[in-house]
Amino acid sequence: MMKQAVARLAGAKPILHSDQGWQYQMIGYQNILRENDI
């Protein structure tokens, strides 16, 4: 789902609001954010 969102927002500078759930701790998720300057 995150990869689809990033693709739709190409060129945008989104801000992520996190509730600090378990998915935010996953290294794969963190890498997607880092790679897309989020």
N, C-alpha and C. Protein backbone atom coordinates (compact mmCIF):
# COMPACT_ATOMS: atom_id res chain seq x y z
N MET A 1 0.82 -1.18 0.00
CA MET A 1 0.00 0.00 0.00
C MET A 1 0.87 1.26 0.00
N MET A 2 1.96 1.25 0.77
CA MET A 2 2.81 2.43 0.83
C MET A 2 3.46 2.72 -0.52
N LYS A 3 3.90 1.68 -1.22
CA LYS A 3 4.51 1.88 -2.53
C LYS A 3 3.52 2.49 -3.51
N GLN A 4 2.25 2.09 -3.44
CA GLN A 4 1.22 2.66 -4.31
C GLN A 4 1.00 4.13 -3.98
N ALA A 5 0.99 4.47 -2.72
CA ALA A 5 0.81 5.86 -2.31
C ALA A 5 1.96 6.72 -2.80
N VAL A 6 3.18 6.22 -2.66
CA VAL A 6 4.36 6.97 -3.10
C VAL A 6 4.29 7.20 -4.61
N ALA A 7 3.89 6.18 -5.36
CA ALA A 7 3.79 6.31 -6.81
C ALA A 7 2.76 7.37 -7.21
N ARG A 8 1.68 7.47 -6.50
CA ARG A 8 0.63 8.45 -6.81
C ARG A 8 1.05 9.87 -6.48
N LEU A 9 1.99 10.02 -5.56
CA LEU A 9 2.40 11.34 -5.11
C LEU A 9 3.74 11.77 -5.69
N ALA A 10 4.08 11.25 -6.85
CA ALA A 10 5.37 11.57 -7.46
C ALA A 10 5.55 13.09 -7.55
N GLY A 11 6.67 13.56 -7.05
CA GLY A 11 6.97 14.99 -7.07
C GLY A 11 6.46 15.76 -5.88
N ALA A 12 5.59 15.15 -5.09
CA ALA A 12 5.04 15.82 -3.90
C ALA A 12 6.00 15.63 -2.73
N LYS A 13 5.82 16.40 -1.70
CA LYS A 13 6.61 16.28 -0.47
C LYS A 13 5.67 15.97 0.68
N PRO A 14 5.17 14.73 0.75
CA PRO A 14 4.20 14.38 1.79
C PRO A 14 4.83 14.34 3.18
N ILE A 15 4.00 14.48 4.17
CA ILE A 15 4.39 14.37 5.57
C ILE A 15 3.68 13.15 6.14
N LEU A 16 4.40 12.32 6.83
CA LEU A 16 3.81 11.12 7.43
C LEU A 16 3.44 11.40 8.87
N HIS A 17 2.17 11.16 9.20
CA HIS A 17 1.74 11.24 10.60
C HIS A 17 1.67 9.81 11.12
N SER A 18 2.49 9.49 12.07
CA SER A 18 2.61 8.13 12.57
C SER A 18 2.00 8.01 13.97
N ASP A 19 1.28 6.92 14.20
CA ASP A 19 0.79 6.65 15.55
C ASP A 19 1.73 5.69 16.27
N GLN A 20 2.88 5.41 15.64
CA GLN A 20 3.92 4.54 16.19
C GLN A 20 3.47 3.10 16.40
N GLY A 21 2.62 2.62 15.52
CA GLY A 21 2.22 1.21 15.56
C GLY A 21 3.36 0.31 15.13
N TRP A 22 3.14 -0.99 15.15
CA TRP A 22 4.21 -1.95 14.85
C TRP A 22 4.75 -1.81 13.44
N GLN A 23 3.91 -1.46 12.46
CA GLN A 23 4.38 -1.39 11.08
C GLN A 23 5.44 -0.31 10.88
N TYR A 24 5.41 0.72 11.70
CA TYR A 24 6.38 1.80 11.58
C TYR A 24 7.76 1.38 12.06
N GLN A 25 7.83 0.27 12.76
CA GLN A 25 9.10 -0.23 13.27
C GLN A 25 9.77 -1.21 12.29
N MET A 26 9.07 -1.59 11.24
CA MET A 26 9.59 -2.56 10.28
C MET A 26 10.63 -1.89 9.37
N ILE A 27 11.78 -2.53 9.22
CA ILE A 27 12.87 -1.94 8.44
C ILE A 27 12.47 -1.70 6.98
N GLY A 28 11.68 -2.58 6.41
CA GLY A 28 11.23 -2.40 5.03
C GLY A 28 10.40 -1.13 4.86
N TYR A 29 9.53 -0.89 5.80
CA TYR A 29 8.69 0.31 5.80
C TYR A 29 9.56 1.56 5.95
N GLN A 30 10.50 1.50 6.87
CA GLN A 30 11.41 2.63 7.09
C GLN A 30 12.24 2.91 5.84
N ASN A 31 12.66 1.87 5.15
CA ASN A 31 13.44 2.04 3.92
C ASN A 31 12.63 2.74 2.84
N ILE A 32 11.36 2.37 2.69
CA ILE A 32 10.51 3.03 1.70
C ILE A 32 10.40 4.51 2.01
N LEU A 33 10.19 4.85 3.27
CA LEU A 33 10.11 6.26 3.66
C LEU A 33 11.42 6.97 3.36
N ARG A 34 12.52 6.39 3.74
CA ARG A 34 13.84 6.99 3.55
C ARG A 34 14.14 7.19 2.06
N GLU A 35 13.88 6.18 1.25
CA GLU A 35 14.15 6.24 -0.18
C GLU A 35 13.33 7.31 -0.88
N ASN A 36 12.19 7.68 -0.30
CA ASN A 36 11.30 8.65 -0.92
C ASN A 36 11.27 9.98 -0.18
N ASP A 37 12.26 10.21 0.67
CA ASP A 37 12.38 11.48 1.42
C ASP A 37 11.12 11.83 2.18
N ILE A 38 10.53 10.84 2.80
CA ILE A 38 9.32 11.07 3.60
C ILE A 38 9.71 10.98 5.06
